[in-house]
Amino acid sequence: MSIIQAAEDFVKEKLDKEVVEHTLRVRNIAVKLAEEEGADKEIVELGALLHDIGYIKGFKNHDANGAPIAREFLNKQNYDLTKTGRIINCILRHGKSLKPEAIEEQIIWDADCLDRLGALGIIRMTKVQLKYNLCKPEESIPHLKTILENSFNNLHTKTAKQFARQLVPFQKKFFKELDKQLDIINNDFDFFYKIIKEA
């Protein structure tokens, strides 16, 4: 069994379905970014597969908590120690506490951010912030907008920035429509009249 397959199986065994789906999307995005940016694809693929393994211990500090779990897994696979260190750096540097430096670290960061953008990202991040109590329910929409804006503004690679620019128009349209519909709560029925006039 390849190290990539072993890592994928490990993640599927240890993490819940939602995190696994996110992880596999991040892996696919990261591999494409690695191809475009000339990064080490194996380091990137393993880093992406293991980047959220710290969720085993919960959301908080999952980057720091994930590093020893990933190291133990890679050691059991007799994986190269130097490459293991590079993968651990990818995991540690995809959170808020440490800035990504190496191109592989930047790619894991960017792939994780790109998965937050677009339709799936909006759904996933809404669930994540409520599941892990990242904000009060009434603050969820402004908080979500901030997360997505920061995800876009903090990308590192040229390829990720190009890809993200394609997702921004959808986001803007989504939040504009959401704001209109939320105005109904405030009895602003201009929303309905605009729909009737356009029909």
Protein backbone atom coordinates (compact mmCIF):
# COMPACT_ATOMS: atom_id res chain seq x y z
CA MET A 1 0.00 0.00 0.00
CA SER A 2 1.32 3.44 -0.89
CA ILE A 3 1.93 6.07 1.78
CA ILE A 4 -0.75 8.24 0.13
CA GLN A 5 -3.35 5.47 0.35
CA ALA A 6 -2.34 4.70 3.93
CA ALA A 7 -2.80 8.37 4.87
CA GLU A 8 -6.18 8.56 3.15
CA ASP A 9 -7.34 5.39 4.94
CA PHE A 10 -6.06 6.75 8.27
CA VAL A 11 -7.99 9.99 7.83
CA LYS A 12 -11.18 8.15 6.82
CA GLU A 13 -10.89 5.94 9.88
CA LYS A 14 -10.19 8.73 12.40
CA LEU A 15 -12.25 11.74 11.27
CA ASP A 16 -15.96 12.31 10.82
CA LYS A 17 -17.51 12.38 7.35
CA GLU A 18 -17.70 16.18 7.01
CA VAL A 19 -14.00 16.65 7.86
CA VAL A 20 -13.01 13.77 5.57
CA GLU A 21 -14.91 15.33 2.65
CA HIS A 22 -13.24 18.68 3.32
CA THR A 23 -9.83 16.96 3.55
CA LEU A 24 -10.26 15.18 0.22
CA ARG A 25 -11.30 18.42 -1.50
CA VAL A 26 -8.27 20.21 0.02
CA ARG A 27 -6.04 17.38 -1.21
CA ASN A 28 -7.35 17.67 -4.77
CA ILE A 29 -7.00 21.46 -4.79
CA ALA A 30 -3.52 21.26 -3.24
CA VAL A 31 -2.27 18.73 -5.79
CA LYS A 32 -3.42 20.99 -8.63
CA LEU A 33 -1.75 24.00 -7.00
CA ALA A 34 1.46 21.96 -6.55
CA GLU A 35 1.48 21.11 -10.26
CA GLU A 36 1.03 24.75 -11.23
CA GLU A 37 3.47 26.15 -8.66
CA GLY A 38 6.21 23.50 -9.07
CA ALA A 39 6.02 22.22 -5.49
CA ASP A 40 6.79 18.73 -4.16
CA LYS A 41 3.53 16.87 -4.89
CA GLU A 42 4.08 14.08 -2.38
CA ILE A 43 4.72 16.51 0.49
CA VAL A 44 1.70 18.55 -0.56
CA GLU A 45 -0.60 15.55 -0.92
CA LEU A 46 0.36 14.07 2.44
CA GLY A 47 0.26 17.49 4.10
CA ALA A 48 -3.23 18.08 2.72
CA LEU A 49 -4.47 14.64 3.78
CA LEU A 50 -3.15 15.09 7.32
CA HIS A 51 -3.69 18.85 7.78
CA ASP A 52 -6.85 18.45 9.91
CA ILE A 53 -5.98 15.20 11.69
CA GLY A 54 -5.90 17.21 14.93
CA TYR A 55 -9.73 17.26 14.80
CA ILE A 56 -9.38 13.92 16.61
CA LYS A 57 -8.90 16.11 19.71
CA GLY A 58 -11.41 18.78 18.65
CA PHE A 59 -11.40 21.97 16.62
CA LYS A 60 -9.43 24.19 18.99
CA ASN A 61 -5.68 24.12 18.26
CA HIS A 62 -6.19 21.34 15.72
CA ASP A 63 -3.05 22.40 13.86
CA ALA A 64 -0.80 22.01 16.92
CA ASN A 65 -2.68 18.91 18.10
CA GLY A 66 -2.43 17.34 14.66
CA ALA A 67 1.36 17.55 14.36
CA PRO A 68 2.24 14.76 16.85
CA ILE A 69 -0.59 12.55 15.54
CA ALA A 70 0.69 12.92 11.98
CA ARG A 71 4.31 12.37 13.08
CA GLU A 72 3.36 9.14 14.87
CA PHE A 73 1.42 7.92 11.83
CA LEU A 74 4.30 8.70 9.42
CA ASN A 75 6.86 7.11 11.75
CA LYS A 76 4.79 3.90 11.88
CA GLN A 77 4.88 3.91 8.07
CA ASN A 78 8.73 4.21 8.21
CA TYR A 79 8.42 7.40 6.19
CA ASP A 80 11.50 9.52 5.53
CA LEU A 81 12.27 11.74 8.59
CA THR A 82 13.20 14.83 6.57
CA LYS A 83 10.00 14.62 4.52
CA THR A 84 8.04 13.99 7.73
CA GLY A 85 9.38 17.27 9.13
CA ARG A 86 8.26 19.14 6.03
CA ILE A 87 4.75 17.64 6.30
CA ILE A 88 4.57 18.52 10.00
CA ASN A 89 5.44 22.12 9.09
CA CYS A 90 2.56 22.13 6.58
CA ILE A 91 0.19 21.01 9.34
CA LEU A 92 1.51 23.48 11.92
CA ARG A 93 1.44 26.40 9.48
CA HIS A 94 -2.09 26.00 8.12
CA GLY A 95 -3.57 27.59 11.27
CA LYS A 96 -3.49 31.15 12.53
CA SER A 97 -0.47 30.93 14.83
CA LEU A 98 2.37 30.36 12.34
CA LYS A 99 2.80 31.92 8.91
CA PRO A 100 3.45 29.48 6.04
CA GLU A 101 6.90 29.89 4.52
CA ALA A 102 7.88 27.03 2.18
CA ILE A 103 5.87 26.72 -1.04
CA GLU A 104 4.33 23.44 0.17
CA GLU A 105 3.17 25.15 3.39
CA GLN A 106 1.68 28.01 1.36
CA ILE A 107 -0.15 25.56 -0.88
CA ILE A 108 -1.76 23.72 2.06
CA TRP A 109 -2.83 27.11 3.50
CA ASP A 110 -4.20 28.22 0.12
CA ALA A 111 -6.02 24.94 -0.61
CA ASP A 112 -7.65 25.05 2.82
CA CYS A 113 -8.75 28.66 2.19
CA LEU A 114 -10.01 27.89 -1.32
CA ASP A 115 -12.26 25.17 0.06
CA ARG A 116 -13.96 27.86 2.18
CA LEU A 117 -14.86 29.92 -0.86
CA GLY A 118 -17.82 29.22 -3.14
CA ALA A 119 -21.09 27.41 -2.41
CA LEU A 120 -19.69 24.42 -0.52
CA GLY A 121 -17.45 26.65 1.55
CA ILE A 122 -20.34 28.85 2.66
CA ILE A 123 -22.32 25.79 3.75
CA ARG A 124 -19.35 24.16 5.48
CA MET A 125 -18.17 27.27 7.31
CA THR A 126 -21.71 28.01 8.54
CA LYS A 127 -21.86 24.51 10.04
CA VAL A 128 -18.34 24.73 11.49
CA GLN A 129 -18.86 28.04 13.25
CA LEU A 130 -22.09 26.85 14.84
CA LYS A 131 -20.82 23.34 15.68
CA TYR A 132 -17.69 24.65 17.41
CA ASN A 133 -19.31 27.78 18.93
CA LEU A 134 -16.98 30.15 17.07
CA CYS A 135 -19.53 32.92 17.47
CA LYS A 136 -23.03 33.58 18.75
CA PRO A 137 -25.78 32.49 16.33
CA GLU A 138 -26.86 36.10 15.75
CA GLU A 139 -23.28 36.99 14.76
CA SER A 140 -22.87 34.06 12.37
CA ILE A 141 -23.43 35.91 9.08
CA PRO A 142 -21.03 38.83 9.75
CA HIS A 143 -18.53 36.33 11.16
CA LEU A 144 -18.86 34.15 8.06
CA LYS A 145 -18.33 37.15 5.77
CA THR A 146 -15.14 38.00 7.70
CA ILE A 147 -13.83 34.43 7.47
CA LEU A 148 -14.42 34.30 3.73
CA GLU A 149 -12.95 37.75 3.15
CA ASN A 150 -9.85 36.82 5.14
CA SER A 151 -9.58 33.53 3.25
CA PHE A 152 -9.48 35.45 -0.02
CA ASN A 153 -7.14 38.21 1.18
CA ASN A 154 -4.57 35.89 2.77
CA LEU A 155 -3.81 33.62 -0.17
CA HIS A 156 -0.14 33.16 -1.05
CA THR A 157 0.23 31.56 -4.47
CA LYS A 158 -0.51 33.16 -7.81
CA THR A 159 -2.57 30.13 -8.92
CA ALA A 160 -4.76 30.21 -5.80
CA LYS A 161 -5.40 33.93 -6.22
CA GLN A 162 -6.47 33.41 -9.84
CA PHE A 163 -8.82 30.60 -8.85
CA ALA A 164 -10.27 32.58 -5.94
CA ARG A 165 -11.08 35.57 -8.15
CA GLN A 166 -13.48 33.32 -10.06
CA LEU A 167 -15.38 32.54 -6.83
CA VAL A 168 -15.76 36.11 -5.57
CA PRO A 169 -18.66 37.13 -7.87
CA PHE A 170 -20.71 34.18 -6.57
CA GLN A 171 -19.98 35.13 -2.97
CA LYS A 172 -20.95 38.76 -3.52
CA LYS A 173 -24.18 37.75 -5.23
CA PHE A 174 -24.98 35.23 -2.50
CA PHE A 175 -24.50 37.69 0.36
CA LYS A 176 -26.36 40.45 -1.48
CA GLU A 177 -29.34 38.10 -1.89
CA LEU A 178 -29.03 36.92 1.70
CA ASP A 179 -29.02 40.51 2.97
CA LYS A 180 -32.16 41.25 0.96
CA GLN A 181 -33.94 38.27 2.43
CA LEU A 182 -32.83 39.11 5.95
CA ASP A 183 -34.39 42.55 5.48
CA ILE A 184 -37.78 40.80 5.57
CA ILE A 185 -37.15 40.25 9.28
CA ASN A 186 -36.95 44.04 9.61
CA ASN A 187 -40.21 44.42 7.65
CA ASP A 188 -38.41 45.76 4.58
CA PHE A 189 -40.73 44.37 1.92
CA ASP A 190 -39.05 46.24 -0.93
CA PHE A 191 -37.51 42.85 -1.64
CA PHE A 192 -40.92 41.44 -2.63
CA TYR A 193 -41.90 44.46 -4.69
CA LYS A 194 -38.63 44.28 -6.65
CA ILE A 195 -39.31 40.62 -7.48
CA ILE A 196 -42.88 41.40 -8.60
CA LYS A 197 -41.72 44.30 -10.82
CA GLU A 198 -39.02 42.15 -12.44
CA ALA A 199 -41.43 39.26 -13.16
